[in-house]
Amino acid sequence: MANGTIRTGHHDVLLRLDDDDPVETGIQALRVCLRHRRHRVAPPTGGRYRTGMAKASYETWTVLPHGPIEPLEDNLWRVEGSLPNMPLKRVMTVARLGSGDLVVHNPVALDASAMSAVDALGRVAYLVVPNGWHRLDLHAFHVRYPNAKVLAPPGSHEKVAAVEPSVVDLTALPDDPNVSLSVVDGTKGLEAVMTVKAQDGVSAVFADAVFNMPHLQGVQGFVLRHVTGSSGGPRVSRVARLLLIKDKAAFAAHLERLATPDLRRVILAHHETITDDPAGALRRVAATVR
């Protein structure tokens, strides 16, 4: 826990930040702004969280609404799904190594047909938990693929190990000419970024260090826009600034290094992929945190 202040545009809210669940930060601010109206995240009907890890990981395979698997390159796929009782979307990215094995970034439980399609792409060999807040389907995924290695950045090992003690470092991914994992600089090892090379260029895959979601309506849209600062185009959210970004200069420099001329897209673990001038978008985001 840590204290922090978020400016909502109408209030300066002193928050007790829950670094195990950053969404709770926005909920706290919502309570202040709306005078204690309650809003909590809960599992959908039929879903059950793993004992002792509320809001961390489902015990069983729990499918929430999701879209189709979207092919992006010969070695890269994306699928967007929902989160329980929240307007946030979440994204799973699948990359294929030269060996034919699959790297699943931010695992999301899909329906039987979609999972069959994933299995047809190759052997699920690596489950990447990009930071300690992305564990919702990790346990069920590892039960389904018990031989897959669970990889996480070093600063998030403790949180990930609370769900899957077998977690190992990102360096357990074998050297591959096209797919790589690294720690996002300036996050003290809390978040990983995956890069995937293909014939048409490079894709960078982030979790929470960069957001790209549209403004939404209603109370939750208000929170995401004015409290957590998550919506409104490519950006670093206020929650990420408080809980994730520890060295702004190092973080900005890493974004700028990724902003190469052959960058074709930036895939994010929430909402929309950046495809319109992705290199320029990363440079602009970097400029906002320096």
Protein backbone atom coordinates (compact mmCIF):
# COMPACT_ATOMS: atom_id res chain seq x y z
CA MET A 1 0.00 0.00 0.00
CA ALA A 2 1.06 3.58 -0.66
CA ASN A 3 -0.54 6.99 -0.57
CA GLY A 4 -0.96 9.06 -3.68
CA THR A 5 -3.01 11.93 -5.09
CA ILE A 6 -5.04 11.80 -8.28
CA ARG A 7 -6.43 15.03 -9.77
CA THR A 8 -9.87 14.27 -11.20
CA GLY A 9 -10.42 17.66 -12.79
CA HIS A 10 -12.81 18.56 -9.98
CA HIS A 11 -11.09 17.15 -6.90
CA ASP A 12 -7.63 16.34 -5.62
CA VAL A 13 -8.26 12.92 -4.09
CA LEU A 14 -5.83 11.47 -1.54
CA LEU A 15 -5.95 7.73 -2.12
CA ARG A 16 -4.79 4.64 -0.34
CA LEU A 17 -3.32 2.92 -3.41
CA ASP A 18 -3.79 -0.84 -3.62
CA ASP A 19 -0.90 -2.05 -5.76
CA ASP A 20 -2.39 -5.55 -5.80
CA ASP A 21 -5.45 -4.24 -7.63
CA PRO A 22 -4.98 -0.85 -9.29
CA VAL A 23 -8.61 -0.82 -10.36
CA GLU A 24 -9.42 -0.43 -6.67
CA THR A 25 -7.65 2.93 -6.84
CA GLY A 26 -10.25 4.19 -9.29
CA ILE A 27 -13.02 2.72 -7.18
CA GLN A 28 -11.78 4.61 -4.14
CA ALA A 29 -11.81 7.85 -6.08
CA LEU A 30 -15.28 7.04 -7.37
CA ARG A 31 -16.48 6.66 -3.79
CA VAL A 32 -15.08 10.08 -2.94
CA CYS A 33 -16.45 11.83 -6.02
CA LEU A 34 -19.89 10.23 -5.78
CA ARG A 35 -20.08 10.25 -1.97
CA HIS A 36 -19.60 6.57 -1.29
CA ARG A 37 -21.64 5.00 -4.09
CA ARG A 38 -20.28 1.48 -4.23
CA HIS A 39 -18.79 -0.25 -7.28
CA ARG A 40 -16.92 -3.52 -6.93
CA VAL A 41 -15.49 -6.12 -9.28
CA ALA A 42 -16.98 -9.59 -8.85
CA PRO A 43 -16.69 -12.85 -10.73
CA PRO A 44 -19.45 -13.57 -13.26
CA THR A 45 -22.11 -16.15 -12.51
CA GLY A 46 -20.48 -19.56 -12.42
CA GLY A 47 -16.98 -18.15 -11.95
CA ARG A 48 -15.04 -18.72 -8.76
CA TYR A 49 -11.82 -17.08 -7.72
CA ARG A 50 -9.00 -19.23 -6.46
CA THR A 51 -9.23 -19.60 -2.68
CA GLY A 52 -7.42 -16.84 -0.82
CA MET A 53 -6.78 -14.85 -3.99
CA ALA A 54 -9.87 -12.74 -4.54
CA LYS A 55 -9.63 -10.83 -7.80
CA ALA A 56 -6.35 -12.59 -8.64
CA SER A 57 -7.10 -15.76 -10.61
CA TYR A 58 -10.06 -18.00 -11.39
CA GLU A 59 -9.97 -21.51 -9.98
CA THR A 60 -11.70 -23.00 -13.03
CA TRP A 61 -11.86 -22.27 -16.75
CA THR A 62 -14.18 -19.26 -16.83
CA VAL A 63 -15.10 -17.91 -20.27
CA LEU A 64 -16.21 -14.30 -20.52
CA PRO A 65 -17.50 -12.75 -23.75
CA HIS A 66 -14.75 -12.35 -26.33
CA GLY A 67 -14.23 -11.67 -29.99
CA PRO A 68 -12.69 -13.82 -32.71
CA ILE A 69 -9.00 -14.63 -32.98
CA GLU A 70 -7.54 -11.98 -35.25
CA PRO A 71 -4.57 -12.95 -37.43
CA LEU A 72 -2.07 -10.09 -37.64
CA GLU A 73 1.00 -11.78 -39.14
CA ASP A 74 2.04 -15.31 -40.03
CA ASN A 75 3.38 -15.63 -36.48
CA LEU A 76 1.07 -13.31 -34.53
CA TRP A 77 -2.58 -13.36 -33.39
CA ARG A 78 -4.75 -11.21 -31.12
CA VAL A 79 -8.08 -11.72 -29.36
CA GLU A 80 -10.05 -9.18 -27.32
CA GLY A 81 -12.30 -10.14 -24.42
CA SER A 82 -14.25 -8.71 -21.52
CA LEU A 83 -13.61 -8.26 -17.81
CA PRO A 84 -16.31 -8.98 -15.20
CA ASN A 85 -18.60 -6.05 -14.42
CA MET A 86 -16.19 -3.56 -15.98
CA PRO A 87 -16.04 -1.62 -19.26
CA LEU A 88 -12.35 -2.45 -19.69
CA LYS A 89 -11.48 -4.83 -22.50
CA ARG A 90 -8.52 -7.20 -22.19
CA VAL A 91 -6.34 -8.60 -24.94
CA MET A 92 -4.49 -11.87 -25.33
CA THR A 93 -1.69 -11.99 -27.88
CA VAL A 94 -0.27 -15.22 -29.29
CA ALA A 95 3.14 -15.35 -30.98
CA ARG A 96 4.73 -18.36 -32.68
CA LEU A 97 8.41 -19.10 -32.29
CA GLY A 98 10.58 -20.47 -35.06
CA SER A 99 10.29 -23.88 -33.39
CA GLY A 100 6.52 -23.79 -33.85
CA ASP A 101 5.85 -23.39 -30.12
CA LEU A 102 3.43 -20.70 -28.97
CA VAL A 103 4.00 -17.83 -26.56
CA VAL A 104 0.72 -16.70 -24.99
CA HIS A 105 0.93 -13.14 -23.68
CA ASN A 106 -1.71 -12.23 -21.06
CA PRO A 107 -3.65 -15.55 -21.11
CA VAL A 108 -7.43 -15.22 -21.51
CA ALA A 109 -9.81 -18.19 -21.29
CA LEU A 110 -11.68 -18.61 -24.58
CA ASP A 111 -14.56 -20.82 -25.63
CA ALA A 112 -13.96 -24.35 -26.88
CA SER A 113 -13.95 -23.45 -30.57
CA ALA A 114 -11.46 -20.61 -30.11
CA MET A 115 -9.18 -22.73 -27.92
CA SER A 116 -9.19 -25.44 -30.59
CA ALA A 117 -8.09 -22.78 -33.04
CA VAL A 118 -5.26 -21.75 -30.70
CA ASP A 119 -4.14 -25.38 -30.34
CA ALA A 120 -4.10 -25.70 -34.13
CA LEU A 121 -1.52 -22.90 -34.32
CA GLY A 122 1.08 -24.83 -32.33
CA ARG A 123 1.98 -26.14 -28.88
CA VAL A 124 1.28 -23.71 -26.06
CA ALA A 125 4.71 -23.70 -24.45
CA TYR A 126 5.01 -20.34 -22.66
CA LEU A 127 2.51 -18.28 -20.66
CA VAL A 128 3.64 -14.70 -20.25
CA VAL A 129 2.21 -12.76 -17.32
CA PRO A 130 3.25 -9.23 -18.35
CA ASN A 131 2.79 -7.81 -14.86
CA GLY A 132 1.41 -8.88 -11.50
CA TRP A 133 -2.07 -7.52 -12.21
CA HIS A 134 -2.74 -9.83 -15.17
CA ARG A 135 -3.34 -13.15 -13.42
CA LEU A 136 -7.09 -13.61 -13.85
CA ASP A 137 -6.95 -16.72 -16.06
CA LEU A 138 -3.41 -17.80 -15.26
CA HIS A 139 -4.23 -20.68 -12.90
CA ALA A 140 -6.87 -22.20 -15.18
CA PHE A 141 -4.60 -21.77 -18.19
CA HIS A 142 -1.74 -23.55 -16.46
CA VAL A 143 -4.06 -26.40 -15.44
CA ARG A 144 -5.02 -26.75 -19.10
CA TYR A 145 -1.38 -26.55 -20.23
CA PRO A 146 0.60 -27.98 -17.30
CA ASN A 147 3.82 -28.30 -19.30
CA ALA A 148 3.84 -24.65 -20.33
CA LYS A 149 6.36 -22.45 -18.54
CA VAL A 150 4.97 -19.42 -16.72
CA LEU A 151 7.15 -16.36 -17.38
CA ALA A 152 6.99 -13.00 -15.63
CA PRO A 153 9.21 -9.95 -15.13
CA PRO A 154 11.27 -10.12 -11.91
CA GLY A 155 9.46 -7.32 -10.12
CA SER A 156 6.17 -9.19 -10.45
CA HIS A 157 7.38 -12.67 -9.47
CA GLU A 158 5.93 -12.47 -5.96
CA LYS A 159 2.42 -11.64 -7.15
CA VAL A 160 2.51 -14.22 -9.94
CA ALA A 161 3.94 -16.89 -7.64
CA ALA A 162 0.92 -16.42 -5.36
CA VAL A 163 -1.08 -17.97 -8.20
CA GLU A 164 1.53 -20.19 -9.90
CA PRO A 165 4.65 -20.89 -7.80
CA SER A 166 6.42 -22.35 -10.84
CA VAL A 167 6.90 -18.89 -12.38
CA VAL A 168 10.34 -18.29 -13.90
CA ASP A 169 12.15 -15.32 -15.38
CA LEU A 170 11.62 -13.94 -18.87
CA THR A 171 15.04 -15.30 -19.80
CA ALA A 172 13.52 -18.80 -19.85
CA LEU A 173 12.17 -17.98 -23.29
CA PRO A 174 14.66 -19.49 -25.76
CA ASP A 175 16.52 -17.25 -28.16
CA ASP A 176 14.39 -16.71 -31.23
CA PRO A 177 15.07 -14.53 -34.28
CA ASN A 178 11.57 -13.03 -34.21
CA VAL A 179 10.06 -13.17 -30.71
CA SER A 180 11.65 -11.65 -27.61
CA LEU A 181 10.73 -10.56 -24.10
CA SER A 182 12.32 -7.83 -22.01
CA VAL A 183 11.60 -5.77 -18.93
CA VAL A 184 10.16 -2.34 -19.61
CA ASP A 185 12.83 0.09 -18.47
CA GLY A 186 11.84 2.42 -15.67
CA THR A 187 9.34 -0.02 -14.11
CA LYS A 188 11.77 -1.70 -11.67
CA GLY A 189 11.03 -5.01 -13.33
CA LEU A 190 7.27 -4.78 -12.86
CA GLU A 191 6.26 -5.03 -16.53
CA ALA A 192 7.45 -6.93 -19.60
CA VAL A 193 7.18 -5.99 -23.26
CA MET A 194 7.12 -8.56 -26.06
CA THR A 195 8.39 -7.76 -29.54
CA VAL A 196 7.48 -9.83 -32.58
CA LYS A 197 9.17 -9.46 -35.94
CA ALA A 198 7.45 -10.47 -39.16
CA GLN A 199 7.82 -9.83 -42.86
CA ASP A 200 5.81 -6.61 -42.66
CA GLY A 201 7.61 -5.18 -39.64
CA VAL A 202 7.73 -5.25 -35.85
CA SER A 203 4.92 -5.44 -33.29
CA ALA A 204 5.42 -4.33 -29.67
CA VAL A 205 3.11 -5.83 -27.03
CA PHE A 206 2.57 -4.00 -23.72
CA ALA A 207 0.31 -4.60 -20.74
CA ASP A 208 -0.48 -1.52 -18.61
CA ALA A 209 2.48 0.76 -19.28
CA VAL A 210 0.63 2.23 -22.26
CA PHE A 211 -3.15 2.54 -22.72
CA ASN A 212 -5.19 3.23 -25.85
CA MET A 213 -8.90 3.20 -25.15
CA PRO A 214 -11.71 5.52 -26.25
CA HIS A 215 -13.69 7.67 -23.84
CA LEU A 216 -16.73 5.82 -22.51
CA GLN A 217 -20.09 6.98 -21.23
CA GLY A 218 -21.55 6.77 -17.74
CA VAL A 219 -20.04 6.67 -14.29
CA GLN A 220 -17.38 4.13 -15.20
CA GLY A 221 -16.44 6.21 -18.22
CA PHE A 222 -16.07 9.20 -15.92
CA VAL A 223 -13.71 7.25 -13.67
CA LEU A 224 -11.61 6.00 -16.58
CA ARG A 225 -11.38 9.46 -18.13
CA HIS A 226 -11.10 11.84 -15.17
CA VAL A 227 -9.85 9.67 -12.30
CA THR A 228 -7.56 6.94 -13.62
CA GLY A 229 -6.73 8.89 -16.80
CA SER A 230 -6.93 5.71 -18.86
CA SER A 231 -9.02 6.80 -21.85
CA GLY A 232 -8.58 9.20 -24.71
CA GLY A 233 -5.94 7.81 -27.03
CA PRO A 234 -2.38 6.54 -26.53
CA ARG A 235 -1.22 7.53 -23.05
CA VAL A 236 0.23 6.50 -19.71
CA SER A 237 -2.63 6.30 -17.22
CA ARG A 238 -2.50 8.01 -13.84
CA VAL A 239 -2.56 4.60 -12.17
CA ALA A 240 0.50 3.52 -14.18
CA ARG A 241 2.29 6.74 -13.27
CA LEU A 242 1.65 6.07 -9.58
CA LEU A 243 2.18 2.32 -9.39
CA LEU A 244 4.22 1.24 -12.40
CA ILE A 245 6.52 3.94 -13.72
CA LYS A 246 9.38 4.37 -11.24
CA ASP A 247 11.95 6.11 -13.48
CA LYS A 248 10.27 8.39 -16.02
CA ALA A 249 13.40 9.14 -18.03
CA ALA A 250 14.33 5.47 -18.41
CA PHE A 251 10.77 4.55 -19.34
CA ALA A 252 10.53 7.31 -21.94
CA ALA A 253 13.88 6.32 -23.43
CA HIS A 254 12.70 2.71 -23.81
CA LEU A 255 9.56 3.82 -25.65
CA GLU A 256 11.70 5.94 -27.96
CA ARG A 257 14.01 2.99 -28.70
CA LEU A 258 10.99 0.91 -29.67
CA ALA A 259 9.75 3.66 -31.99
CA THR A 260 11.70 2.40 -35.00
CA PRO A 261 10.72 3.02 -38.63
CA ASP A 262 9.67 -0.64 -39.05
CA LEU A 263 7.26 -0.58 -36.08
CA ARG A 264 3.90 -1.61 -37.53
CA ARG A 265 1.71 -1.79 -34.46
CA VAL A 266 1.62 -1.53 -30.68
CA ILE A 267 -0.65 -4.13 -29.10
CA LEU A 268 -1.93 -3.34 -25.63
CA ALA A 269 -3.43 -5.63 -23.00
CA HIS A 270 -6.47 -3.35 -22.81
CA HIS A 271 -8.49 -2.11 -25.75
CA GLU A 272 -7.25 -0.86 -29.09
CA THR A 273 -4.07 -1.64 -30.99
CA ILE A 274 -2.10 1.42 -32.11
CA THR A 275 -1.71 1.17 -35.88
CA ASP A 276 -1.80 4.82 -36.96
CA ASP A 277 1.82 6.02 -36.85
CA PRO A 278 2.74 3.69 -33.96
CA ALA A 279 6.32 4.97 -33.75
CA GLY A 280 5.11 8.55 -33.54
CA ALA A 281 2.52 7.54 -30.94
CA LEU A 282 5.20 6.01 -28.72
CA ARG A 283 7.37 9.10 -29.05
CA ARG A 284 4.44 11.32 -28.11
CA VAL A 285 3.62 9.14 -25.10
CA ALA A 286 7.26 9.23 -24.04
CA ALA A 287 7.23 13.03 -24.19
CA THR A 288 4.35 13.16 -21.70
CA VAL A 289 6.30 11.43 -18.94
CA ARG A 290 9.66 13.16 -19.21
